PDB file of all heavy atoms in Angstrom:
ATOM      1  N   SER A   1      -2.055   5.189 -15.316  1.00  0.00           N
ATOM      2  CA  SER A   1      -2.858   4.023 -14.973  1.00  0.00           C
ATOM      3  C   SER A   1      -2.154   3.248 -13.855  1.00  0.00           C
ATOM      4  O   SER A   1      -0.971   3.497 -13.581  1.00  0.00           O
ATOM      5  CB  SER A   1      -3.010   3.112 -16.202  1.00  0.00           C
ATOM      6  OG  SER A   1      -1.741   2.545 -16.529  1.00  0.00           O
ATOM      7  N   PRO A   2      -2.841   2.300 -13.213  1.00  0.00           N
ATOM      8  CA  PRO A   2      -2.160   1.494 -12.189  1.00  0.00           C
ATOM      9  C   PRO A   2      -0.889   0.831 -12.703  1.00  0.00           C
ATOM     10  O   PRO A   2       0.121   0.792 -11.990  1.00  0.00           O
ATOM     11  CB  PRO A   2      -3.227   0.463 -11.797  1.00  0.00           C
ATOM     12  CG  PRO A   2      -4.522   1.185 -12.019  1.00  0.00           C
ATOM     13  CD  PRO A   2      -4.300   2.030 -13.235  1.00  0.00           C
ATOM     14  N   ALA A   3      -0.906   0.323 -13.920  1.00  0.00           N
ATOM     15  CA  ALA A   3       0.286  -0.327 -14.468  1.00  0.00           C
ATOM     16  C   ALA A   3       1.417   0.680 -14.640  1.00  0.00           C
ATOM     17  O   ALA A   3       2.588   0.390 -14.360  1.00  0.00           O
ATOM     18  CB  ALA A   3      -0.047  -0.988 -15.799  1.00  0.00           C
ATOM     19  N   GLU A   4       1.063   1.873 -15.109  1.00  0.00           N
ATOM     20  CA  GLU A   4       2.091   2.906 -15.292  1.00  0.00           C
ATOM     21  C   GLU A   4       2.651   3.373 -13.952  1.00  0.00           C
ATOM     22  O   GLU A   4       3.851   3.649 -13.820  1.00  0.00           O
ATOM     23  CB  GLU A   4       1.500   4.086 -16.072  1.00  0.00           C
ATOM     24  CG  GLU A   4       1.215   3.762 -17.537  1.00  0.00           C
ATOM     25  CD  GLU A   4       0.406   4.847 -18.217  1.00  0.00           C
ATOM     26  OE1 GLU A   4      -0.455   5.469 -17.547  1.00  0.00           O
ATOM     27  OE2 GLU A   4       0.640   5.088 -19.418  1.00  0.00           O
ATOM     28  N   VAL A   5       1.789   3.450 -12.940  1.00  0.00           N
ATOM     29  CA  VAL A   5       2.255   3.822 -11.603  1.00  0.00           C
ATOM     30  C   VAL A   5       3.228   2.787 -11.076  1.00  0.00           C
ATOM     31  O   VAL A   5       4.257   3.127 -10.475  1.00  0.00           O
ATOM     32  CB  VAL A   5       1.062   3.996 -10.641  1.00  0.00           C
ATOM     33  CG1 VAL A   5       1.537   4.056  -9.188  1.00  0.00           C
ATOM     34  CG2 VAL A   5       0.273   5.255 -10.987  1.00  0.00           C
ATOM     35  N   GLN A   6       2.947   1.527 -11.332  1.00  0.00           N
ATOM     36  CA  GLN A   6       3.841   0.469 -10.860  1.00  0.00           C
ATOM     37  C   GLN A   6       5.236   0.610 -11.472  1.00  0.00           C
ATOM     38  O   GLN A   6       6.256   0.453 -10.795  1.00  0.00           O
ATOM     39  CB  GLN A   6       3.244  -0.902 -11.197  1.00  0.00           C
ATOM     40  CG  GLN A   6       3.913  -2.052 -10.471  1.00  0.00           C
ATOM     41  CD  GLN A   6       3.036  -3.282 -10.449  1.00  0.00           C
ATOM     42  OE1 GLN A   6       2.103  -3.427 -11.239  1.00  0.00           O
ATOM     43  NE2 GLN A   6       3.323  -4.192  -9.531  1.00  0.00           N
ATOM     44  N   THR A   7       5.281   0.939 -12.751  1.00  0.00           N
ATOM     45  CA  THR A   7       6.565   1.159 -13.421  1.00  0.00           C
ATOM     46  C   THR A   7       7.258   2.396 -12.860  1.00  0.00           C
ATOM     47  O   THR A   7       8.471   2.397 -12.609  1.00  0.00           O
ATOM     48  CB  THR A   7       6.342   1.324 -14.937  1.00  0.00           C
ATOM     49  OG1 THR A   7       5.704   0.150 -15.451  1.00  0.00           O
ATOM     50  CG2 THR A   7       7.664   1.545 -15.650  1.00  0.00           C
ATOM     51  N   PHE A   8       6.461   3.419 -12.637  1.00  0.00           N
ATOM     52  CA  PHE A   8       6.989   4.668 -12.096  1.00  0.00           C
ATOM     53  C   PHE A   8       7.612   4.448 -10.708  1.00  0.00           C
ATOM     54  O   PHE A   8       8.669   5.000 -10.386  1.00  0.00           O
ATOM     55  CB  PHE A   8       5.843   5.680 -12.015  1.00  0.00           C
ATOM     56  CG  PHE A   8       6.219   7.021 -11.480  1.00  0.00           C
ATOM     57  CD1 PHE A   8       7.098   7.855 -12.162  1.00  0.00           C
ATOM     58  CD2 PHE A   8       5.671   7.479 -10.284  1.00  0.00           C
ATOM     59  CE1 PHE A   8       7.433   9.110 -11.669  1.00  0.00           C
ATOM     60  CE2 PHE A   8       6.000   8.733  -9.784  1.00  0.00           C
ATOM     61  CZ  PHE A   8       6.878   9.547 -10.476  1.00  0.00           C
ATOM     62  N   LEU A   9       6.968   3.619  -9.896  1.00  0.00           N
ATOM     63  CA  LEU A   9       7.450   3.373  -8.538  1.00  0.00           C
ATOM     64  C   LEU A   9       8.688   2.480  -8.510  1.00  0.00           C
ATOM     65  O   LEU A   9       9.364   2.384  -7.478  1.00  0.00           O
ATOM     66  CB  LEU A   9       6.349   2.731  -7.698  1.00  0.00           C
ATOM     67  CG  LEU A   9       5.146   3.628  -7.380  1.00  0.00           C
ATOM     68  CD1 LEU A   9       4.080   2.845  -6.650  1.00  0.00           C
ATOM     69  CD2 LEU A   9       5.574   4.835  -6.552  1.00  0.00           C
ATOM     70  N   ALA A  10       8.970   1.815  -9.612  1.00  0.00           N
ATOM     71  CA  ALA A  10      10.157   0.962  -9.663  1.00  0.00           C
ATOM     72  C   ALA A  10      11.442   1.785  -9.666  1.00  0.00           C
ATOM     73  O   ALA A  10      12.522   1.269  -9.385  1.00  0.00           O
ATOM     74  CB  ALA A  10      10.107   0.067 -10.896  1.00  0.00           C
ATOM     75  N   GLU A  11      11.310   3.072  -9.947  1.00  0.00           N
ATOM     76  CA  GLU A  11      12.484   3.942  -9.959  1.00  0.00           C
ATOM     77  C   GLU A  11      12.890   4.274  -8.524  1.00  0.00           C
ATOM     78  O   GLU A  11      12.066   4.676  -7.703  1.00  0.00           O
ATOM     79  CB  GLU A  11      12.172   5.232 -10.717  1.00  0.00           C
ATOM     80  CG  GLU A  11      11.801   5.013 -12.182  1.00  0.00           C
ATOM     81  CD  GLU A  11      11.424   6.316 -12.873  1.00  0.00           C
ATOM     82  OE1 GLU A  11      11.675   7.388 -12.273  1.00  0.00           O
ATOM     83  OE2 GLU A  11      10.869   6.261 -13.985  1.00  0.00           O
ATOM     84  N   THR A  12      14.143   4.101  -8.216  1.00  0.00           N
ATOM     85  CA  THR A  12      14.659   4.333  -6.863  1.00  0.00           C
ATOM     86  C   THR A  12      14.398   5.763  -6.405  1.00  0.00           C
ATOM     87  O   THR A  12      14.030   6.002  -5.247  1.00  0.00           O
ATOM     88  CB  THR A  12      16.164   4.043  -6.811  1.00  0.00           C
ATOM     89  OG1 THR A  12      16.390   2.702  -7.237  1.00  0.00           O
ATOM     90  CG2 THR A  12      16.709   4.239  -5.397  1.00  0.00           C
ATOM     91  N   LYS A  13      14.549   6.713  -7.306  1.00  0.00           N
ATOM     92  CA  LYS A  13      14.349   8.119  -6.961  1.00  0.00           C
ATOM     93  C   LYS A  13      12.924   8.359  -6.473  1.00  0.00           C
ATOM     94  O   LYS A  13      12.701   9.085  -5.489  1.00  0.00           O
ATOM     95  CB  LYS A  13      14.650   8.996  -8.173  1.00  0.00           C
ATOM     96  CG  LYS A  13      14.430  10.487  -7.917  1.00  0.00           C
ATOM     97  CD  LYS A  13      14.642  11.308  -9.191  1.00  0.00           C
ATOM     98  CE  LYS A  13      14.295  12.765  -8.941  1.00  0.00           C
ATOM     99  NZ  LYS A  13      14.413  13.583 -10.172  1.00  0.00           N
ATOM    100  N   THR A  14      11.954   7.777  -7.141  1.00  0.00           N
ATOM    101  CA  THR A  14      10.553   7.952  -6.761  1.00  0.00           C
ATOM    102  C   THR A  14      10.298   7.392  -5.369  1.00  0.00           C
ATOM    103  O   THR A  14       9.647   8.033  -4.534  1.00  0.00           O
ATOM    104  CB  THR A  14       9.629   7.250  -7.777  1.00  0.00           C
ATOM    105  OG1 THR A  14       9.896   7.740  -9.078  1.00  0.00           O
ATOM    106  CG2 THR A  14       8.172   7.498  -7.424  1.00  0.00           C
ATOM    107  N   ARG A  15      10.819   6.196  -5.122  1.00  0.00           N
ATOM    108  CA  ARG A  15      10.631   5.567  -3.813  1.00  0.00           C
ATOM    109  C   ARG A  15      11.213   6.449  -2.710  1.00  0.00           C
ATOM    110  O   ARG A  15      10.614   6.618  -1.645  1.00  0.00           O
ATOM    111  CB  ARG A  15      11.307   4.190  -3.792  1.00  0.00           C
ATOM    112  CG  ARG A  15      10.562   3.128  -4.580  1.00  0.00           C
ATOM    113  CD  ARG A  15       9.310   2.709  -3.847  1.00  0.00           C
ATOM    114  NE  ARG A  15       8.625   1.617  -4.538  1.00  0.00           N
ATOM    115  CZ  ARG A  15       7.480   1.059  -4.123  1.00  0.00           C
ATOM    116  NH1 ARG A  15       6.917   1.503  -3.021  1.00  0.00           N
ATOM    117  NH2 ARG A  15       6.921   0.092  -4.806  1.00  0.00           N
ATOM    118  N   ARG A  16      12.377   6.978  -2.958  1.00  0.00           N
ATOM    119  CA  ARG A  16      13.020   7.829  -1.951  1.00  0.00           C
ATOM    120  C   ARG A  16      12.204   9.082  -1.681  1.00  0.00           C
ATOM    121  O   ARG A  16      12.054   9.532  -0.543  1.00  0.00           O
ATOM    122  CB  ARG A  16      14.430   8.201  -2.396  1.00  0.00           C
ATOM    123  CG  ARG A  16      15.447   7.057  -2.269  1.00  0.00           C
ATOM    124  CD  ARG A  16      16.791   7.477  -2.792  1.00  0.00           C
ATOM    125  NE  ARG A  16      17.749   6.378  -2.702  1.00  0.00           N
ATOM    126  CZ  ARG A  16      18.904   6.351  -3.316  1.00  0.00           C
ATOM    127  NH1 ARG A  16      19.261   7.375  -4.085  1.00  0.00           N
ATOM    128  NH2 ARG A  16      19.738   5.326  -3.184  1.00  0.00           N
ATOM    129  N   GLU A  17      11.659   9.683  -2.740  1.00  0.00           N
ATOM    130  CA  GLU A  17      10.829  10.866  -2.579  1.00  0.00           C
ATOM    131  C   GLU A  17       9.604  10.570  -1.726  1.00  0.00           C
ATOM    132  O   GLU A  17       9.246  11.346  -0.831  1.00  0.00           O
ATOM    133  CB  GLU A  17      10.393  11.395  -3.946  1.00  0.00           C
ATOM    134  CG  GLU A  17      11.498  12.083  -4.724  1.00  0.00           C
ATOM    135  CD  GLU A  17      11.030  12.546  -6.091  1.00  0.00           C
ATOM    136  OE1 GLU A  17       9.912  12.160  -6.499  1.00  0.00           O
ATOM    137  OE2 GLU A  17      11.784  13.277  -6.761  1.00  0.00           O
ATOM    138  N   LEU A  18       8.962   9.431  -1.989  1.00  0.00           N
ATOM    139  CA  LEU A  18       7.777   9.062  -1.221  1.00  0.00           C
ATOM    140  C   LEU A  18       8.122   8.814   0.244  1.00  0.00           C
ATOM    141  O   LEU A  18       7.353   9.181   1.150  1.00  0.00           O
ATOM    142  CB  LEU A  18       7.117   7.817  -1.824  1.00  0.00           C
ATOM    143  CG  LEU A  18       6.439   8.005  -3.178  1.00  0.00           C
ATOM    144  CD1 LEU A  18       5.886   6.680  -3.681  1.00  0.00           C
ATOM    145  CD2 LEU A  18       5.327   9.037  -3.086  1.00  0.00           C
ATOM    146  N   GLU A  19       9.243   8.180   0.495  1.00  0.00           N
ATOM    147  CA  GLU A  19       9.648   7.919   1.876  1.00  0.00           C
ATOM    148  C   GLU A  19       9.955   9.209   2.618  1.00  0.00           C
ATOM    149  O   GLU A  19       9.768   9.297   3.831  1.00  0.00           O
ATOM    150  CB  GLU A  19      10.856   6.977   1.909  1.00  0.00           C
ATOM    151  CG  GLU A  19      10.501   5.549   1.514  1.00  0.00           C
ATOM    152  CD  GLU A  19      11.689   4.612   1.593  1.00  0.00           C
ATOM    153  OE1 GLU A  19      12.750   5.044   2.094  1.00  0.00           O
ATOM    154  OE2 GLU A  19      11.562   3.452   1.170  1.00  0.00           O
ATOM    155  N   GLU A  20      10.417  10.220   1.910  1.00  0.00           N
ATOM    156  CA  GLU A  20      10.687  11.516   2.536  1.00  0.00           C
ATOM    157  C   GLU A  20       9.392  12.272   2.823  1.00  0.00           C
ATOM    158  O   GLU A  20       9.285  12.996   3.815  1.00  0.00           O
ATOM    159  CB  GLU A  20      11.590  12.355   1.638  1.00  0.00           C
ATOM    160  CG  GLU A  20      13.026  11.849   1.566  1.00  0.00           C
ATOM    161  CD  GLU A  20      13.857  12.626   0.560  1.00  0.00           C
ATOM    162  OE1 GLU A  20      13.311  13.584  -0.045  1.00  0.00           O
ATOM    163  OE2 GLU A  20      15.041  12.288   0.370  1.00  0.00           O
ATOM    164  N   LEU A  21       8.383  12.091   1.966  1.00  0.00           N
ATOM    165  CA  LEU A  21       7.137  12.843   2.100  1.00  0.00           C
ATOM    166  C   LEU A  21       6.137  12.167   3.030  1.00  0.00           C
ATOM    167  O   LEU A  21       5.348  12.840   3.698  1.00  0.00           O
ATOM    168  CB  LEU A  21       6.492  13.033   0.721  1.00  0.00           C
ATOM    169  CG  LEU A  21       7.235  13.934  -0.260  1.00  0.00           C
ATOM    170  CD1 LEU A  21       6.591  13.862  -1.633  1.00  0.00           C
ATOM    171  CD2 LEU A  21       7.250  15.377   0.253  1.00  0.00           C
ATOM    172  N   PHE A  22       6.144  10.832   3.050  1.00  0.00           N
ATOM    173  CA  PHE A  22       5.186  10.073   3.839  1.00  0.00           C
ATOM    174  C   PHE A  22       5.915   9.289   4.925  1.00  0.00           C
ATOM    175  O   PHE A  22       7.133   9.284   5.005  1.00  0.00           O
ATOM    176  CB  PHE A  22       4.407   9.106   2.943  1.00  0.00           C
ATOM    177  CG  PHE A  22       3.509   9.781   1.942  1.00  0.00           C
ATOM    178  CD1 PHE A  22       3.980  10.127   0.680  1.00  0.00           C
ATOM    179  CD2 PHE A  22       2.195  10.069   2.254  1.00  0.00           C
ATOM    180  CE1 PHE A  22       3.157  10.742  -0.251  1.00  0.00           C
ATOM    181  CE2 PHE A  22       1.357  10.694   1.336  1.00  0.00           C
ATOM    182  CZ  PHE A  22       1.844  11.026   0.083  1.00  0.00           C
ATOM    183  N   PHE A  23       5.114   8.599   5.760  1.00  0.00           N
ATOM    184  CA  PHE A  23       5.714   7.692   6.730  1.00  0.00           C
ATOM    185  C   PHE A  23       6.439   6.584   5.969  1.00  0.00           C
ATOM    186  O   PHE A  23       5.890   5.963   5.066  1.00  0.00           O
ATOM    187  CB  PHE A  23       4.633   7.084   7.632  1.00  0.00           C
ATOM    188  CG  PHE A  23       3.846   8.123   8.376  1.00  0.00           C
ATOM    189  CD1 PHE A  23       2.528   8.402   8.043  1.00  0.00           C
ATOM    190  CD2 PHE A  23       4.421   8.827   9.421  1.00  0.00           C
ATOM    191  CE1 PHE A  23       1.796   9.358   8.733  1.00  0.00           C
ATOM    192  CE2 PHE A  23       3.699   9.794  10.120  1.00  0.00           C
ATOM    193  CZ  PHE A  23       2.385  10.058   9.773  1.00  0.00           C
ATOM    194  N   ARG A  24       7.655   6.289   6.350  1.00  0.00           N
ATOM    195  CA  ARG A  24       8.527   5.432   5.547  1.00  0.00           C
ATOM    196  C   ARG A  24       7.931   4.052   5.284  1.00  0.00           C
ATOM    197  O   ARG A  24       7.923   3.569   4.159  1.00  0.00           O
ATOM    198  CB  ARG A  24       9.892   5.297   6.220  1.00  0.00           C
ATOM    199  CG  ARG A  24      10.838   4.380   5.475  1.00  0.00           C
ATOM    200  CD  ARG A  24      12.261   4.535   5.964  1.00  0.00           C
ATOM    201  NE  ARG A  24      12.771   5.881   5.724  1.00  0.00           N
ATOM    202  CZ  ARG A  24      14.025   6.245   5.970  1.00  0.00           C
ATOM    203  NH1 ARG A  24      14.869   5.399   6.477  1.00  0.00           N
ATOM    204  NH2 ARG A  24      14.417   7.477   5.710  1.00  0.00           N
ATOM    205  N   ASP A  25       7.400   3.399   6.344  1.00  0.00           N
ATOM    206  CA  ASP A  25       6.910   2.035   6.149  1.00  0.00           C
ATOM    207  C   ASP A  25       5.696   1.996   5.240  1.00  0.00           C
ATOM    208  O   ASP A  25       5.493   1.051   4.479  1.00  0.00           O
ATOM    209  CB  ASP A  25       6.593   1.371   7.496  1.00  0.00           C
ATOM    210  CG  ASP A  25       5.622   2.192   8.315  1.00  0.00           C
ATOM    211  OD1 ASP A  25       5.489   3.402   8.054  1.00  0.00           O
ATOM    212  OD2 ASP A  25       4.983   1.622   9.216  1.00  0.00           O
ATOM    213  N   VAL A  26       4.867   3.063   5.287  1.00  0.00           N
ATOM    214  CA  VAL A  26       3.676   3.112   4.436  1.00  0.00           C
ATOM    215  C   VAL A  26       4.056   3.404   2.995  1.00  0.00           C
ATOM    216  O   VAL A  26       3.433   2.898   2.055  1.00  0.00           O
ATOM    217  CB  VAL A  26       2.688   4.175   4.959  1.00  0.00           C
ATOM    218  CG1 VAL A  26       1.458   4.234   4.069  1.00  0.00           C
ATOM    219  CG2 VAL A  26       2.285   3.856   6.386  1.00  0.00           C
ATOM    220  N   ALA A  27       5.079   4.211   2.778  1.00  0.00           N
ATOM    221  CA  ALA A  27       5.494   4.567   1.423  1.00  0.00           C
ATOM    222  C   ALA A  27       5.992   3.362   0.641  1.00  0.00           C
ATOM    223  O   ALA A  27       6.077   3.395  -0.582  1.00  0.00           O
ATOM    224  CB  ALA A  27       6.572   5.642   1.474  1.00  0.00           C
ATOM    225  N   ARG A  28       6.332   2.284   1.344  1.00  0.00           N
ATOM    226  CA  ARG A  28       6.821   1.081   0.665  1.00  0.00           C
ATOM    227  C   ARG A  28       5.689   0.183   0.183  1.00  0.00           C
ATOM    228  O   ARG A  28       5.933  -0.825  -0.469  1.00  0.00           O
ATOM    229  CB  ARG A  28       7.736   0.303   1.616  1.00  0.00           C
ATOM    230  CG  ARG A  28       9.024   1.043   1.962  1.00  0.00           C
ATOM    231  CD  ARG A  28       9.776   0.355   3.078  1.00  0.00           C
ATOM    232  NE  ARG A  28      11.007   1.073   3.398  1.00  0.00           N
ATOM    233  CZ  ARG A  28      11.723   0.866   4.502  1.00  0.00           C
ATOM    234  NH1 ARG A  28      11.334  -0.038   5.373  1.00  0.00           N
ATOM    235  NH2 ARG A  28      12.829   1.556   4.723  1.00  0.00           N
ATOM    236  N   ASP A  29       4.467   0.531   0.543  1.00  0.00           N
ATOM    237  CA  ASP A  29       3.333  -0.352   0.238  1.00  0.00           C
ATOM    238  C   ASP A  29       2.225   0.451  -0.418  1.00  0.00           C
ATOM    239  O   ASP A  29       1.259   0.870   0.236  1.00  0.00           O
ATOM    240  CB  ASP A  29       2.852  -1.008   1.524  1.00  0.00           C
ATOM    241  CG  ASP A  29       1.757  -2.020   1.266  1.00  0.00           C
ATOM    242  OD1 ASP A  29       1.649  -2.493   0.127  1.00  0.00           O
ATOM    243  OD2 ASP A  29       1.006  -2.331   2.209  1.00  0.00           O
ATOM    244  N   VAL A  30       2.375   0.693  -1.705  1.00  0.00           N
ATOM    245  CA  VAL A  30       1.420   1.516  -2.451  1.00  0.00           C
ATOM    246  C   VAL A  30       0.341   0.626  -3.057  1.00  0.00           C
ATOM    247  O   VAL A  30       0.622  -0.414  -3.639  1.00  0.00           O
ATOM    248  CB  VAL A  30       2.142   2.300  -3.567  1.00  0.00           C
ATOM    249  CG1 VAL A  30       1.148   3.123  -4.379  1.00  0.00           C
ATOM    250  CG2 VAL A  30       3.213   3.193  -2.965  1.00  0.00           C
ATOM    251  N   ARG A  31      -0.919   1.047  -2.917  1.00  0.00           N
ATOM    252  CA  ARG A  31      -2.032   0.293  -3.504  1.00  0.00           C
ATOM    253  C   ARG A  31      -2.113   0.576  -5.004  1.00  0.00           C
ATOM    254  O   ARG A  31      -2.183   1.739  -5.418  1.00  0.00           O
ATOM    255  CB  ARG A  31      -3.354   0.700  -2.853  1.00  0.00           C
ATOM    256  CG  ARG A  31      -3.517   0.221  -1.428  1.00  0.00           C
ATOM    257  CD  ARG A  31      -4.860   0.688  -0.882  1.00  0.00           C
ATOM    258  NE  ARG A  31      -5.017   0.308   0.511  1.00  0.00           N
ATOM    259  CZ  ARG A  31      -5.972   0.769   1.295  1.00  0.00           C
ATOM    260  NH1 ARG A  31      -6.863   1.644   0.819  1.00  0.00           N
ATOM    261  NH2 ARG A  31      -6.059   0.365   2.559  1.00  0.00           N
ATOM    262  N   MET A  32      -2.162  -0.477  -5.778  1.00  0.00           N
ATOM    263  CA  MET A  32      -2.294  -0.315  -7.227  1.00  0.00           C
ATOM    264  C   MET A  32      -3.774  -0.282  -7.613  1.00  0.00           C
ATOM    265  O   MET A  32      -4.260  -1.043  -8.444  1.00  0.00           O
ATOM    266  CB  MET A  32      -1.565  -1.446  -7.948  1.00  0.00           C
ATOM    267  CG  MET A  32      -0.064  -1.400  -7.751  1.00  0.00           C
ATOM    268  SD  MET A  32       0.615   0.192  -8.300  1.00  0.00           S
ATOM    269  CE  MET A  32       2.043   0.305  -7.227  1.00  0.00           C
ATOM    270  N   SER A  33      -4.495   0.615  -6.952  1.00  0.00           N
ATOM    271  CA  SER A  33      -5.926   0.788  -7.221  1.00  0.00           C
ATOM    272  C   SER A  33      -6.301   2.209  -6.808  1.00  0.00           C
ATOM    273  O   SER A  33      -5.470   2.983  -6.340  1.00  0.00           O
ATOM    274  CB  SER A  33      -6.750  -0.224  -6.409  1.00  0.00           C
ATOM    275  OG  SER A  33      -6.721   0.116  -5.034  1.00  0.00           O
ATOM    276  N   TYR A  34      -7.589   2.528  -6.984  1.00  0.00           N
ATOM    277  CA  TYR A  34      -8.093   3.838  -6.580  1.00  0.00           C
ATOM    278  C   TYR A  34      -8.859   3.761  -5.258  1.00  0.00           C
ATOM    279  O   TYR A  34      -9.519   4.730  -4.866  1.00  0.00           O
ATOM    280  CB  TYR A  34      -9.003   4.406  -7.677  1.00  0.00           C
ATOM    281  CG  TYR A  34      -8.281   4.637  -8.991  1.00  0.00           C
ATOM    282  CD1 TYR A  34      -8.253   3.642  -9.958  1.00  0.00           C
ATOM    283  CD2 TYR A  34      -7.631   5.838  -9.256  1.00  0.00           C
ATOM    284  CE1 TYR A  34      -7.583   3.838 -11.169  1.00  0.00           C
ATOM    285  CE2 TYR A  34      -6.960   6.052 -10.454  1.00  0.00           C
ATOM    286  CZ  TYR A  34      -6.947   5.040 -11.412  1.00  0.00           C
ATOM    287  OH  TYR A  34      -6.277   5.241 -12.586  1.00  0.00           O
ATOM    288  N   ASP A  35      -8.775   2.650  -4.568  1.00  0.00           N
ATOM    289  CA  ASP A  35      -9.479   2.457  -3.304  1.00  0.00           C
ATOM    290  C   ASP A  35      -8.890   3.392  -2.249  1.00  0.00           C
ATOM    291  O   ASP A  35      -7.727   3.266  -1.876  1.00  0.00           O
ATOM    292  CB  ASP A  35      -9.333   0.992  -2.856  1.00  0.00           C
ATOM    293  CG  ASP A  35     -10.208   0.658  -1.661  1.00  0.00           C
ATOM    294  OD1 ASP A  35     -10.777   1.588  -1.055  1.00  0.00           O
ATOM    295  OD2 ASP A  35     -10.321  -0.543  -1.324  1.00  0.00           O
ATOM    296  N   ASP A  36      -9.702   4.339  -1.771  1.00  0.00           N
ATOM    297  CA  ASP A  36      -9.196   5.316  -0.799  1.00  0.00           C
ATOM    298  C   ASP A  36      -9.615   5.010   0.631  1.00  0.00           C
ATOM    299  O   ASP A  36      -9.451   5.839   1.531  1.00  0.00           O
ATOM    300  CB  ASP A  36      -9.637   6.733  -1.179  1.00  0.00           C
ATOM    301  CG  ASP A  36     -11.145   6.930  -1.070  1.00  0.00           C
ATOM    302  OD1 ASP A  36     -11.891   5.923  -0.974  1.00  0.00           O
ATOM    303  OD2 ASP A  36     -11.591   8.098  -1.066  1.00  0.00           O
ATOM    304  N   ARG A  37     -10.165   3.822   0.876  1.00  0.00           N
ATOM    305  CA  ARG A  37     -10.507   3.442   2.249  1.00  0.00           C
ATOM    306  C   ARG A  37      -9.238   3.085   3.021  1.00  0.00           C
ATOM    307  O   ARG A  37      -8.332   2.467   2.461  1.00  0.00           O
ATOM    308  CB  ARG A  37     -11.466   2.259   2.262  1.00  0.00           C
ATOM    309  CG  ARG A  37     -12.811   2.524   1.579  1.00  0.00           C
ATOM    310  CD  ARG A  37     -13.632   1.253   1.529  1.00  0.00           C
ATOM    311  NE  ARG A  37     -12.921   0.193   0.806  1.00  0.00           N
ATOM    312  CZ  ARG A  37     -13.225  -1.098   0.870  1.00  0.00           C
ATOM    313  NH1 ARG A  37     -14.229  -1.510   1.639  1.00  0.00           N
ATOM    314  NH2 ARG A  37     -12.533  -1.979   0.183  1.00  0.00           N
ATOM    315  N   PHE A  38      -9.203   3.465   4.287  1.00  0.00           N
ATOM    316  CA  PHE A  38      -8.022   3.169   5.077  1.00  0.00           C
ATOM    317  C   PHE A  38      -7.925   1.672   5.355  1.00  0.00           C
ATOM    318  O   PHE A  38      -6.835   1.104   5.361  1.00  0.00           O
ATOM    319  CB  PHE A  38      -8.058   3.941   6.396  1.00  0.00           C
ATOM    320  CG  PHE A  38      -6.729   3.980   7.097  1.00  0.00           C
ATOM    321  CD1 PHE A  38      -5.738   4.847   6.671  1.00  0.00           C
ATOM    322  CD2 PHE A  38      -6.465   3.149   8.171  1.00  0.00           C
ATOM    323  CE1 PHE A  38      -4.501   4.890   7.305  1.00  0.00           C
ATOM    324  CE2 PHE A  38      -5.237   3.171   8.807  1.00  0.00           C
ATOM    325  CZ  PHE A  38      -4.247   4.046   8.378  1.00  0.00           C
TER     326      PHE A  38
END
């Protein structure tokens, strides 16, 4: 769920993985919703 994702993203390891896979500045700003519009 969005709440569970928020907890999951609080882990440093997860953040680092996202920054490696995506553009770094965007990986720091995750939407806590299912809105897929840019």
